[in-house]
PDB file of all heavy atoms in Angstrom:
ATOM      1  N   ALA A   1     -51.560 -21.390 -97.058  1.00  0.00           N
ATOM      2  CA  ALA A   1     -51.822 -20.057 -96.504  1.00  0.00           C
ATOM      3  C   ALA A   1     -53.081 -20.090 -95.661  1.00  0.00           C
ATOM      4  O   ALA A   1     -53.980 -20.907 -95.893  1.00  0.00           O
ATOM      5  CB  ALA A   1     -51.971 -19.029 -97.620  1.00  0.00           C
ATOM      6  N   ILE A   2     -53.140 -19.186 -94.689  1.00  0.00           N
ATOM      7  CA  ILE A   2     -54.318 -19.034 -93.836  1.00  0.00           C
ATOM      8  C   ILE A   2     -54.696 -17.557 -93.800  1.00  0.00           C
ATOM      9  O   ILE A   2     -53.835 -16.684 -93.639  1.00  0.00           O
ATOM     10  CB  ILE A   2     -54.046 -19.513 -92.396  1.00  0.00           C
ATOM     11  CG1 ILE A   2     -53.620 -20.989 -92.389  1.00  0.00           C
ATOM     12  CG2 ILE A   2     -55.284 -19.321 -91.506  1.00  0.00           C
ATOM     13  CD1 ILE A   2     -53.210 -21.508 -91.025  1.00  0.00           C
ATOM     14  N   GLY A   3     -55.984 -17.281 -93.958  1.00  0.00           N
ATOM     15  CA  GLY A   3     -56.506 -15.921 -93.805  1.00  0.00           C
ATOM     16  C   GLY A   3     -57.584 -15.921 -92.739  1.00  0.00           C
ATOM     17  O   GLY A   3     -58.339 -16.892 -92.614  1.00  0.00           O
ATOM     18  N   THR A   4     -57.649 -14.871 -91.953  1.00  0.00           N
ATOM     19  CA  THR A   4     -58.638 -14.806 -90.874  1.00  0.00           C
ATOM     20  C   THR A   4     -59.474 -13.538 -90.989  1.00  0.00           C
ATOM     21  O   THR A   4     -59.106 -12.589 -91.693  1.00  0.00           O
ATOM     22  CB  THR A   4     -57.959 -14.844 -89.489  1.00  0.00           C
ATOM     23  OG1 THR A   4     -57.093 -13.715 -89.364  1.00  0.00           O
ATOM     24  CG2 THR A   4     -57.164 -16.129 -89.314  1.00  0.00           C
ATOM     25  N   ALA A   5     -60.592 -13.528 -90.267  1.00  0.00           N
ATOM     26  CA  ALA A   5     -61.477 -12.352 -90.252  1.00  0.00           C
ATOM     27  C   ALA A   5     -62.295 -12.372 -88.976  1.00  0.00           C
ATOM     28  O   ALA A   5     -62.631 -13.442 -88.457  1.00  0.00           O
ATOM     29  CB  ALA A   5     -62.403 -12.360 -91.469  1.00  0.00           C
ATOM     30  N   ASN A   6     -62.619 -11.188 -88.488  1.00  0.00           N
ATOM     31  CA  ASN A   6     -63.477 -11.034 -87.314  1.00  0.00           C
ATOM     32  C   ASN A   6     -64.476  -9.920 -87.571  1.00  0.00           C
ATOM     33  O   ASN A   6     -64.199  -8.996 -88.335  1.00  0.00           O
ATOM     34  CB  ASN A   6     -62.666 -10.684 -86.070  1.00  0.00           C
ATOM     35  CG  ASN A   6     -61.691 -11.781 -85.671  1.00  0.00           C
ATOM     36  OD1 ASN A   6     -60.531 -11.759 -86.056  1.00  0.00           O
ATOM     37  ND2 ASN A   6     -62.179 -12.751 -84.912  1.00  0.00           N
ATOM     38  N   PRO A   7     -65.635  -9.981 -86.931  1.00  0.00           N
ATOM     39  CA  PRO A   7     -66.603  -8.889 -87.072  1.00  0.00           C
ATOM     40  C   PRO A   7     -66.077  -7.615 -86.417  1.00  0.00           C
ATOM     41  O   PRO A   7     -65.084  -7.644 -85.674  1.00  0.00           O
ATOM     42  CB  PRO A   7     -67.849  -9.423 -86.369  1.00  0.00           C
ATOM     43  CG  PRO A   7     -67.353 -10.485 -85.455  1.00  0.00           C
ATOM     44  CD  PRO A   7     -66.140 -11.074 -86.094  1.00  0.00           C
ATOM     45  N   PRO A   8     -66.718  -6.469 -86.647  1.00  0.00           N
ATOM     46  CA  PRO A   8     -66.138  -5.183 -86.238  1.00  0.00           C
ATOM     47  C   PRO A   8     -66.215  -4.860 -84.755  1.00  0.00           C
ATOM     48  O   PRO A   8     -65.481  -4.003 -84.281  1.00  0.00           O
ATOM     49  CB  PRO A   8     -66.957  -4.162 -87.038  1.00  0.00           C
ATOM     50  CG  PRO A   8     -68.264  -4.846 -87.291  1.00  0.00           C
ATOM     51  CD  PRO A   8     -67.931  -6.292 -87.464  1.00  0.00           C
ATOM     52  N   HIS A   9     -67.080  -5.538 -84.017  1.00  0.00           N
ATOM     53  CA  HIS A   9     -67.304  -5.126 -82.633  1.00  0.00           C
ATOM     54  C   HIS A   9     -66.341  -5.860 -81.696  1.00  0.00           C
ATOM     55  O   HIS A   9     -66.508  -7.054 -81.416  1.00  0.00           O
ATOM     56  CB  HIS A   9     -68.752  -5.386 -82.232  1.00  0.00           C
ATOM     57  CG  HIS A   9     -69.742  -4.768 -83.159  1.00  0.00           C
ATOM     58  ND1 HIS A   9     -69.748  -3.416 -83.460  1.00  0.00           N
ATOM     59  CD2 HIS A   9     -70.758  -5.326 -83.897  1.00  0.00           C
ATOM     60  CE1 HIS A   9     -70.716  -3.167 -84.315  1.00  0.00           C
ATOM     61  NE2 HIS A   9     -71.334  -4.295 -84.604  1.00  0.00           N
ATOM     62  N   LYS A  10     -65.317  -5.130 -81.228  1.00  0.00           N
ATOM     63  CA  LYS A  10     -64.339  -5.669 -80.292  1.00  0.00           C
ATOM     64  C   LYS A  10     -64.789  -5.326 -78.877  1.00  0.00           C
ATOM     65  O   LYS A  10     -64.964  -4.160 -78.543  1.00  0.00           O
ATOM     66  CB  LYS A  10     -62.951  -5.090 -80.576  1.00  0.00           C
ATOM     67  CG  LYS A  10     -61.872  -5.618 -79.659  1.00  0.00           C
ATOM     68  CD  LYS A  10     -60.478  -5.223 -80.139  1.00  0.00           C
ATOM     69  CE  LYS A  10     -60.224  -3.739 -79.991  1.00  0.00           C
ATOM     70  NZ  LYS A  10     -58.812  -3.390 -80.324  1.00  0.00           N
ATOM     71  N   ILE A  11     -64.964  -6.347 -78.050  1.00  0.00           N
ATOM     72  CA  ILE A  11     -65.572  -6.149 -76.740  1.00  0.00           C
ATOM     73  C   ILE A  11     -64.591  -6.577 -75.654  1.00  0.00           C
ATOM     74  O   ILE A  11     -64.204  -7.747 -75.595  1.00  0.00           O
ATOM     75  CB  ILE A  11     -66.867  -6.958 -76.614  1.00  0.00           C
ATOM     76  CG1 ILE A  11     -67.787  -6.672 -77.822  1.00  0.00           C
ATOM     77  CG2 ILE A  11     -67.578  -6.636 -75.313  1.00  0.00           C
ATOM     78  CD1 ILE A  11     -68.909  -7.646 -77.952  1.00  0.00           C
ATOM     79  N   PRO A  12     -64.173  -5.666 -74.778  1.00  0.00           N
ATOM     80  CA  PRO A  12     -63.321  -6.052 -73.652  1.00  0.00           C
ATOM     81  C   PRO A  12     -64.007  -7.111 -72.793  1.00  0.00           C
ATOM     82  O   PRO A  12     -65.228  -7.068 -72.578  1.00  0.00           O
ATOM     83  CB  PRO A  12     -63.138  -4.740 -72.880  1.00  0.00           C
ATOM     84  CG  PRO A  12     -63.393  -3.662 -73.893  1.00  0.00           C
ATOM     85  CD  PRO A  12     -64.440  -4.221 -74.801  1.00  0.00           C
ATOM     86  N   GLN A  13     -63.230  -8.062 -72.309  1.00  0.00           N
ATOM     87  CA  GLN A  13     -63.791  -9.184 -71.562  1.00  0.00           C
ATOM     88  C   GLN A  13     -64.620  -8.746 -70.356  1.00  0.00           C
ATOM     89  O   GLN A  13     -65.692  -9.285 -70.092  1.00  0.00           O
ATOM     90  CB  GLN A  13     -62.649 -10.116 -71.119  1.00  0.00           C
ATOM     91  CG  GLN A  13     -63.067 -11.327 -70.302  1.00  0.00           C
ATOM     92  CD  GLN A  13     -63.772 -12.408 -71.111  1.00  0.00           C
ATOM     93  OE1 GLN A  13     -64.410 -12.136 -72.131  1.00  0.00           O
ATOM     94  NE2 GLN A  13     -63.671 -13.638 -70.639  1.00  0.00           N
ATOM     95  N   MET A  14     -64.151  -7.758 -69.618  1.00  0.00           N
ATOM     96  CA  MET A  14     -64.889  -7.353 -68.426  1.00  0.00           C
ATOM     97  C   MET A  14     -66.171  -6.600 -68.768  1.00  0.00           C
ATOM     98  O   MET A  14     -67.097  -6.534 -67.965  1.00  0.00           O
ATOM     99  CB  MET A  14     -64.001  -6.519 -67.503  1.00  0.00           C
ATOM    100  CG  MET A  14     -62.786  -7.276 -66.978  1.00  0.00           C
ATOM    101  SD  MET A  14     -63.169  -8.951 -66.351  1.00  0.00           S
ATOM    102  CE  MET A  14     -64.227  -8.571 -64.955  1.00  0.00           C
ATOM    103  N   GLN A  15     -66.243  -6.049 -69.986  1.00  0.00           N
ATOM    104  CA  GLN A  15     -67.496  -5.433 -70.417  1.00  0.00           C
ATOM    105  C   GLN A  15     -68.540  -6.510 -70.697  1.00  0.00           C
ATOM    106  O   GLN A  15     -69.732  -6.317 -70.428  1.00  0.00           O
ATOM    107  CB  GLN A  15     -67.255  -4.573 -71.663  1.00  0.00           C
ATOM    108  CG  GLN A  15     -68.434  -3.691 -72.037  1.00  0.00           C
ATOM    109  CD  GLN A  15     -68.081  -2.660 -73.089  1.00  0.00           C
ATOM    110  OE1 GLN A  15     -66.934  -2.511 -73.480  1.00  0.00           O
ATOM    111  NE2 GLN A  15     -69.076  -1.938 -73.549  1.00  0.00           N
ATOM    112  N   VAL A  16     -68.092  -7.666 -71.221  1.00  0.00           N
ATOM    113  CA  VAL A  16     -69.013  -8.788 -71.399  1.00  0.00           C
ATOM    114  C   VAL A  16     -69.524  -9.257 -70.038  1.00  0.00           C
ATOM    115  O   VAL A  16     -70.704  -9.592 -69.881  1.00  0.00           O
ATOM    116  CB  VAL A  16     -68.331  -9.958 -72.140  1.00  0.00           C
ATOM    117  CG1 VAL A  16     -69.348 -11.061 -72.424  1.00  0.00           C
ATOM    118  CG2 VAL A  16     -67.706  -9.504 -73.443  1.00  0.00           C
ATOM    119  N   ALA A  17     -68.630  -9.274 -69.047  1.00  0.00           N
ATOM    120  CA  ALA A  17     -69.036  -9.683 -67.699  1.00  0.00           C
ATOM    121  C   ALA A  17     -70.138  -8.778 -67.160  1.00  0.00           C
ATOM    122  O   ALA A  17     -71.102  -9.254 -66.539  1.00  0.00           O
ATOM    123  CB  ALA A  17     -67.828  -9.671 -66.763  1.00  0.00           C
ATOM    124  N   ASP A  18     -70.022  -7.488 -67.392  1.00  0.00           N
ATOM    125  CA  ASP A  18     -71.054  -6.545 -66.951  1.00  0.00           C
ATOM    126  C   ASP A  18     -72.388  -6.852 -67.625  1.00  0.00           C
ATOM    127  O   ASP A  18     -73.448  -6.829 -66.983  1.00  0.00           O
ATOM    128  CB  ASP A  18     -70.632  -5.111 -67.261  1.00  0.00           C
ATOM    129  CG  ASP A  18     -69.473  -4.632 -66.399  1.00  0.00           C
ATOM    130  OD1 ASP A  18     -69.300  -5.173 -65.294  1.00  0.00           O
ATOM    131  OD2 ASP A  18     -68.738  -3.724 -66.850  1.00  0.00           O
ATOM    132  N   PHE A  19     -72.337  -7.121 -68.946  1.00  0.00           N
ATOM    133  CA  PHE A  19     -73.559  -7.456 -69.686  1.00  0.00           C
ATOM    134  C   PHE A  19     -74.204  -8.708 -69.103  1.00  0.00           C
ATOM    135  O   PHE A  19     -75.424  -8.759 -68.880  1.00  0.00           O
ATOM    136  CB  PHE A  19     -73.247  -7.664 -71.167  1.00  0.00           C
ATOM    137  CG  PHE A  19     -74.408  -8.173 -71.978  1.00  0.00           C
ATOM    138  CD1 PHE A  19     -75.263  -7.298 -72.616  1.00  0.00           C
ATOM    139  CD2 PHE A  19     -74.669  -9.538 -72.087  1.00  0.00           C
ATOM    140  CE1 PHE A  19     -76.356  -7.762 -73.352  1.00  0.00           C
ATOM    141  CE2 PHE A  19     -75.749 -10.025 -72.810  1.00  0.00           C
ATOM    142  CZ  PHE A  19     -76.587  -9.124 -73.455  1.00  0.00           C
ATOM    143  N   MET A  20     -73.378  -9.753 -68.872  1.00  0.00           N
ATOM    144  CA  MET A  20     -73.918 -11.023 -68.380  1.00  0.00           C
ATOM    145  C   MET A  20     -74.526 -10.876 -66.988  1.00  0.00           C
ATOM    146  O   MET A  20     -75.593 -11.429 -66.704  1.00  0.00           O
ATOM    147  CB  MET A  20     -72.810 -12.084 -68.365  1.00  0.00           C
ATOM    148  CG  MET A  20     -72.278 -12.447 -69.736  1.00  0.00           C
ATOM    149  SD  MET A  20     -73.551 -13.175 -70.791  1.00  0.00           S
ATOM    150  CE  MET A  20     -72.655 -13.265 -72.358  1.00  0.00           C
ATOM    151  N   ALA A  21     -73.853 -10.148 -66.110  1.00  0.00           N
ATOM    152  CA  ALA A  21     -74.373  -9.957 -64.759  1.00  0.00           C
ATOM    153  C   ALA A  21     -75.723  -9.250 -64.795  1.00  0.00           C
ATOM    154  O   ALA A  21     -76.658  -9.614 -64.057  1.00  0.00           O
ATOM    155  CB  ALA A  21     -73.377  -9.172 -63.915  1.00  0.00           C
ATOM    156  N   ALA A  22     -75.837  -8.247 -65.657  1.00  0.00           N
ATOM    157  CA  ALA A  22     -77.103  -7.528 -65.784  1.00  0.00           C
ATOM    158  C   ALA A  22     -78.181  -8.414 -66.390  1.00  0.00           C
ATOM    159  O   ALA A  22     -79.334  -8.434 -65.930  1.00  0.00           O
ATOM    160  CB  ALA A  22     -76.905  -6.268 -66.623  1.00  0.00           C
ATOM    161  N   ALA A  23     -77.817  -9.174 -67.440  1.00  0.00           N
ATOM    162  CA  ALA A  23     -78.797 -10.030 -68.115  1.00  0.00           C
ATOM    163  C   ALA A  23     -79.325 -11.116 -67.187  1.00  0.00           C
ATOM    164  O   ALA A  23     -80.505 -11.492 -67.252  1.00  0.00           O
ATOM    165  CB  ALA A  23     -78.163 -10.655 -69.355  1.00  0.00           C
ATOM    166  N   LEU A  24     -78.445 -11.637 -66.321  1.00  0.00           N
ATOM    167  CA  LEU A  24     -78.833 -12.690 -65.394  1.00  0.00           C
ATOM    168  C   LEU A  24     -79.418 -12.130 -64.095  1.00  0.00           C
ATOM    169  O   LEU A  24     -79.771 -12.898 -63.204  1.00  0.00           O
ATOM    170  CB  LEU A  24     -77.629 -13.579 -65.083  1.00  0.00           C
ATOM    171  CG  LEU A  24     -77.112 -14.411 -66.272  1.00  0.00           C
ATOM    172  CD1 LEU A  24     -75.733 -14.970 -65.979  1.00  0.00           C
ATOM    173  CD2 LEU A  24     -78.088 -15.537 -66.600  1.00  0.00           C
ATOM    174  N   GLN A  25     -79.486 -10.792 -64.019  1.00  0.00           N
ATOM    175  CA  GLN A  25     -80.035 -10.108 -62.843  1.00  0.00           C
ATOM    176  C   GLN A  25     -79.400 -10.619 -61.550  1.00  0.00           C
ATOM    177  O   GLN A  25     -80.070 -10.976 -60.589  1.00  0.00           O
ATOM    178  CB  GLN A  25     -81.558 -10.267 -62.817  1.00  0.00           C
ATOM    179  CG  GLN A  25     -82.248  -9.642 -64.027  1.00  0.00           C
ATOM    180  CD  GLN A  25     -83.759  -9.778 -64.002  1.00  0.00           C
ATOM    181  OE1 GLN A  25     -84.307 -10.877 -64.114  1.00  0.00           O
ATOM    182  NE2 GLN A  25     -84.441  -8.660 -63.818  1.00  0.00           N
ATOM    183  N   MET A  26     -78.068 -10.648 -61.560  1.00  0.00           N
ATOM    184  CA  MET A  26     -77.315 -11.189 -60.437  1.00  0.00           C
ATOM    185  C   MET A  26     -77.250 -10.199 -59.278  1.00  0.00           C
ATOM    186  O   MET A  26     -77.193  -8.981 -59.490  1.00  0.00           O
ATOM    187  CB  MET A  26     -75.885 -11.527 -60.872  1.00  0.00           C
ATOM    188  CG  MET A  26     -75.769 -12.768 -61.725  1.00  0.00           C
ATOM    189  SD  MET A  26     -74.045 -13.131 -62.125  1.00  0.00           S
ATOM    190  CE  MET A  26     -74.185 -14.845 -62.643  1.00  0.00           C
ATOM    191  N   ASN A  27     -77.193 -10.740 -58.065  1.00  0.00           N
ATOM    192  CA  ASN A  27     -76.957  -9.899 -56.904  1.00  0.00           C
ATOM    193  C   ASN A  27     -75.460  -9.595 -56.789  1.00  0.00           C
ATOM    194  O   ASN A  27     -74.648 -10.116 -57.566  1.00  0.00           O
ATOM    195  CB  ASN A  27     -77.488 -10.552 -55.624  1.00  0.00           C
ATOM    196  CG  ASN A  27     -76.857 -11.922 -55.358  1.00  0.00           C
ATOM    197  OD1 ASN A  27     -75.699 -12.165 -55.719  1.00  0.00           O
ATOM    198  ND2 ASN A  27     -77.611 -12.814 -54.726  1.00  0.00           N
ATOM    199  N   GLU A  28     -75.086  -8.785 -55.831  1.00  0.00           N
ATOM    200  CA  GLU A  28     -73.698  -8.331 -55.745  1.00  0.00           C
ATOM    201  C   GLU A  28     -72.706  -9.466 -55.503  1.00  0.00           C
ATOM    202  O   GLU A  28     -71.673  -9.535 -56.177  1.00  0.00           O
ATOM    203  CB  GLU A  28     -73.564  -7.262 -54.652  1.00  0.00           C
ATOM    204  CG  GLU A  28     -72.177  -6.613 -54.635  1.00  0.00           C
ATOM    205  CD  GLU A  28     -72.091  -5.469 -53.637  1.00  0.00           C
ATOM    206  OE1 GLU A  28     -73.160  -4.931 -53.272  1.00  0.00           O
ATOM    207  OE2 GLU A  28     -70.979  -5.136 -53.219  1.00  0.00           O
ATOM    208  N   PRO A  29     -72.958 -10.405 -54.584  1.00  0.00           N
ATOM    209  CA  PRO A  29     -72.000 -11.516 -54.395  1.00  0.00           C
ATOM    210  C   PRO A  29     -71.819 -12.365 -55.645  1.00  0.00           C
ATOM    211  O   PRO A  29     -70.695 -12.745 -55.997  1.00  0.00           O
ATOM    212  CB  PRO A  29     -72.620 -12.326 -53.247  1.00  0.00           C
ATOM    213  CG  PRO A  29     -73.485 -11.353 -52.511  1.00  0.00           C
ATOM    214  CD  PRO A  29     -74.033 -10.439 -53.562  1.00  0.00           C
ATOM    215  N   ASP A  30     -72.925 -12.679 -56.335  1.00  0.00           N
ATOM    216  CA  ASP A  30     -72.821 -13.493 -57.559  1.00  0.00           C
ATOM    217  C   ASP A  30     -72.117 -12.722 -58.669  1.00  0.00           C
ATOM    218  O   ASP A  30     -71.379 -13.316 -59.475  1.00  0.00           O
ATOM    219  CB  ASP A  30     -74.207 -13.937 -58.024  1.00  0.00           C
ATOM    220  CG  ASP A  30     -74.798 -15.023 -57.145  1.00  0.00           C
ATOM    221  OD1 ASP A  30     -74.016 -15.684 -56.426  1.00  0.00           O
ATOM    222  OD2 ASP A  30     -76.035 -15.190 -57.154  1.00  0.00           O
ATOM    223  N   THR A  31     -72.333 -11.426 -58.730  1.00  0.00           N
ATOM    224  CA  THR A  31     -71.640 -10.600 -59.726  1.00  0.00           C
ATOM    225  C   THR A  31     -70.137 -10.629 -59.489  1.00  0.00           C
ATOM    226  O   THR A  31     -69.344 -10.731 -60.437  1.00  0.00           O
ATOM    227  CB  THR A  31     -72.160  -9.152 -59.691  1.00  0.00           C
ATOM    228  OG1 THR A  31     -73.544  -9.144 -60.034  1.00  0.00           O
ATOM    229  CG2 THR A  31     -71.388  -8.273 -60.666  1.00  0.00           C
ATOM    230  N   ARG A  32     -69.709 -10.553 -58.237  1.00  0.00           N
ATOM    231  CA  ARG A  32     -68.278 -10.614 -57.915  1.00  0.00           C
ATOM    232  C   ARG A  32     -67.677 -11.948 -58.357  1.00  0.00           C
ATOM    233  O   ARG A  32     -66.582 -12.000 -58.922  1.00  0.00           O
ATOM    234  CB  ARG A  32     -68.055 -10.405 -56.419  1.00  0.00           C
ATOM    235  CG  ARG A  32     -68.189  -8.953 -55.962  1.00  0.00           C
ATOM    236  CD  ARG A  32     -67.507  -8.740 -54.621  1.00  0.00           C
ATOM    237  NE  ARG A  32     -68.066  -9.607 -53.585  1.00  0.00           N
ATOM    238  CZ  ARG A  32     -69.084  -9.276 -52.799  1.00  0.00           C
ATOM    239  NH1 ARG A  32     -69.657  -8.078 -52.930  1.00  0.00           N
ATOM    240  NH2 ARG A  32     -69.531 -10.104 -51.868  1.00  0.00           N
ATOM    241  N   LYS A  33     -68.412 -13.045 -58.102  1.00  0.00           N
ATOM    242  CA  LYS A  33     -67.937 -14.376 -58.512  1.00  0.00           C
ATOM    243  C   LYS A  33     -67.825 -14.463 -60.037  1.00  0.00           C
ATOM    244  O   LYS A  33     -66.869 -15.028 -60.575  1.00  0.00           O
ATOM    245  CB  LYS A  33     -68.877 -15.454 -57.990  1.00  0.00           C
ATOM    246  CG  LYS A  33     -68.858 -15.619 -56.482  1.00  0.00           C
ATOM    247  CD  LYS A  33     -69.893 -16.646 -56.041  1.00  0.00           C
ATOM    248  CE  LYS A  33     -69.971 -16.739 -54.530  1.00  0.00           C
ATOM    249  NZ  LYS A  33     -71.040 -17.678 -54.085  1.00  0.00           N
ATOM    250  N   LEU A  34     -68.835 -13.927 -60.726  1.00  0.00           N
ATOM    251  CA  LEU A  34     -68.813 -13.965 -62.185  1.00  0.00           C
ATOM    252  C   LEU A  34     -67.621 -13.182 -62.728  1.00  0.00           C
ATOM    253  O   LEU A  34     -66.903 -13.659 -63.623  1.00  0.00           O
ATOM    254  CB  LEU A  34     -70.113 -13.393 -62.747  1.00  0.00           C
ATOM    255  CG  LEU A  34     -70.239 -13.455 -64.274  1.00  0.00           C
ATOM    256  CD1 LEU A  34     -70.499 -14.884 -64.718  1.00  0.00           C
ATOM    257  CD2 LEU A  34     -71.342 -12.531 -64.779  1.00  0.00           C
ATOM    258  N   LYS A  35     -67.375 -12.011 -62.181  1.00  0.00           N
ATOM    259  CA  LYS A  35     -66.261 -11.188 -62.663  1.00  0.00           C
ATOM    260  C   LYS A  35     -64.913 -11.846 -62.364  1.00  0.00           C
ATOM    261  O   LYS A  35     -63.965 -11.708 -63.153  1.00  0.00           O
ATOM    262  CB  LYS A  35     -66.340  -9.793 -62.062  1.00  0.00           C
ATOM    263  CG  LYS A  35     -67.498  -8.970 -62.631  1.00  0.00           C
ATOM    264  CD  LYS A  35     -67.465  -7.529 -62.157  1.00  0.00           C
ATOM    265  CE  LYS A  35     -68.552  -6.719 -62.861  1.00  0.00           C
ATOM    266  NZ  LYS A  35     -68.528  -5.285 -62.469  1.00  0.00           N
ATOM    267  N   ALA A  36     -64.835 -12.574 -61.266  1.00  0.00           N
ATOM    268  CA  ALA A  36     -63.602 -13.318 -60.971  1.00  0.00           C
ATOM    269  C   ALA A  36     -63.364 -14.389 -62.032  1.00  0.00           C
ATOM    270  O   ALA A  36     -62.227 -14.593 -62.487  1.00  0.00           O
ATOM    271  CB  ALA A  36     -63.687 -13.949 -59.583  1.00  0.00           C
ATOM    272  N   LEU A  37     -64.434 -15.076 -62.452  1.00  0.00           N
ATOM    273  CA  LEU A  37     -64.335 -16.073 -63.516  1.00  0.00           C
ATOM    274  C   LEU A  37     -63.824 -15.447 -64.807  1.00  0.00           C
ATOM    275  O   LEU A  37     -62.947 -16.008 -65.491  1.00  0.00           O
ATOM    276  CB  LEU A  37     -65.710 -16.722 -63.746  1.00  0.00           C
ATOM    277  CG  LEU A  37     -65.854 -17.637 -64.964  1.00  0.00           C
ATOM    278  CD1 LEU A  37     -65.014 -18.887 -64.794  1.00  0.00           C
ATOM    279  CD2 LEU A  37     -67.325 -18.006 -65.178  1.00  0.00           C
ATOM    280  N   TYR A  38     -64.329 -14.286 -65.150  1.00  0.00           N
ATOM    281  CA  TYR A  38     -63.921 -13.613 -66.386  1.00  0.00           C
ATOM    282  C   TYR A  38     -62.472 -13.116 -66.299  1.00  0.00           C
ATOM    283  O   TYR A  38     -61.742 -13.151 -67.289  1.00  0.00           O
ATOM    284  CB  TYR A  38     -64.873 -12.445 -66.683  1.00  0.00           C
ATOM    285  CG  TYR A  38     -66.133 -12.869 -67.412  1.00  0.00           C
ATOM    286  CD1 TYR A  38     -67.046 -13.735 -66.818  1.00  0.00           C
ATOM    287  CD2 TYR A  38     -66.412 -12.422 -68.684  1.00  0.00           C
ATOM    288  CE1 TYR A  38     -68.194 -14.143 -67.470  1.00  0.00           C
ATOM    289  CE2 TYR A  38     -67.558 -12.812 -69.362  1.00  0.00           C
ATOM    290  CZ  TYR A  38     -68.446 -13.681 -68.754  1.00  0.00           C
ATOM    291  OH  TYR A  38     -69.591 -14.092 -69.420  1.00  0.00           O
ATOM    292  N   ARG A  39     -62.056 -12.675 -65.113  1.00  0.00           N
ATOM    293  CA  ARG A  39     -60.688 -12.161 -64.964  1.00  0.00           C
ATOM    294  C   ARG A  39     -59.642 -13.251 -65.142  1.00  0.00           C
ATOM    295  O   ARG A  39     -58.554 -12.984 -65.652  1.00  0.00           O
ATOM    296  CB  ARG A  39     -60.518 -11.493 -63.593  1.00  0.00           C
ATOM    297  CG  ARG A  39     -60.968 -10.036 -63.552  1.00  0.00           C
ATOM    298  CD  ARG A  39     -60.481  -9.345 -62.291  1.00  0.00           C
ATOM    299  NE  ARG A  39     -61.089  -9.926 -61.090  1.00  0.00           N
ATOM    300  CZ  ARG A  39     -62.227  -9.516 -60.563  1.00  0.00           C
ATOM    301  NH1 ARG A  39     -62.888  -8.504 -61.103  1.00  0.00           N
ATOM    302  NH2 ARG A  39     -62.709 -10.091 -59.470  1.00  0.00           N
ATOM    303  N   VAL A  40     -59.939 -14.481 -64.720  1.00  0.00           N
ATOM    304  CA  VAL A  40     -58.943 -15.560 -64.802  1.00  0.00           C
ATOM    305  C   VAL A  40     -59.078 -16.381 -66.082  1.00  0.00           C
ATOM    306  O   VAL A  40     -58.400 -17.383 -66.247  1.00  0.00           O
ATOM    307  CB  VAL A  40     -59.040 -16.499 -63.576  1.00  0.00           C
ATOM    308  CG1 VAL A  40     -58.810 -15.726 -62.299  1.00  0.00           C
ATOM    309  CG2 VAL A  40     -60.371 -17.249 -63.533  1.00  0.00           C
ATOM    310  N   SER A  41     -59.930 -15.943 -67.004  1.00  0.00           N
ATOM    311  CA  SER A  41     -60.185 -16.716 -68.229  1.00  0.00           C
ATOM    312  C   SER A  41     -59.018 -16.722 -69.200  1.00  0.00           C
ATOM    313  O   SER A  41     -58.946 -17.575 -70.092  1.00  0.00           O
ATOM    314  CB  SER A  41     -61.426 -16.161 -68.943  1.00  0.00           C
ATOM    315  OG  SER A  41     -61.174 -14.826 -69.402  1.00  0.00           O
ATOM    316  N   GLY A  42     -58.093 -15.758 -69.069  1.00  0.00           N
ATOM    317  CA  GLY A  42     -57.016 -15.633 -70.052  1.00  0.00           C
ATOM    318  C   GLY A  42     -57.432 -14.855 -71.281  1.00  0.00           C
ATOM    319  O   GLY A  42     -56.664 -14.724 -72.233  1.00  0.00           O
ATOM    320  N   ILE A  43     -58.651 -14.312 -71.273  1.00  0.00           N
ATOM    321  CA  ILE A  43     -59.196 -13.584 -72.418  1.00  0.00           C
ATOM    322  C   ILE A  43     -59.215 -12.093 -72.102  1.00  0.00           C
ATOM    323  O   ILE A  43     -59.716 -11.689 -71.058  1.00  0.00           O
ATOM    324  CB  ILE A  43     -60.624 -14.071 -72.750  1.00  0.00           C
ATOM    325  CG1 ILE A  43     -60.598 -15.561 -73.118  1.00  0.00           C
ATOM    326  CG2 ILE A  43     -61.234 -13.255 -73.892  1.00  0.00           C
ATOM    327  CD1 ILE A  43     -61.974 -16.185 -73.216  1.00  0.00           C
TER     328      ILE A  43
END
């Protein structure tokens, strides 16, 4: 048998992208590239 568990905070992938762009203080072109990476991640 296998049992699984996850912590309570479920975070949409693109919301993580927003956090990362802000944390890295990215400009608009780099933010677009980062969000493209997150969109094609399969997550």
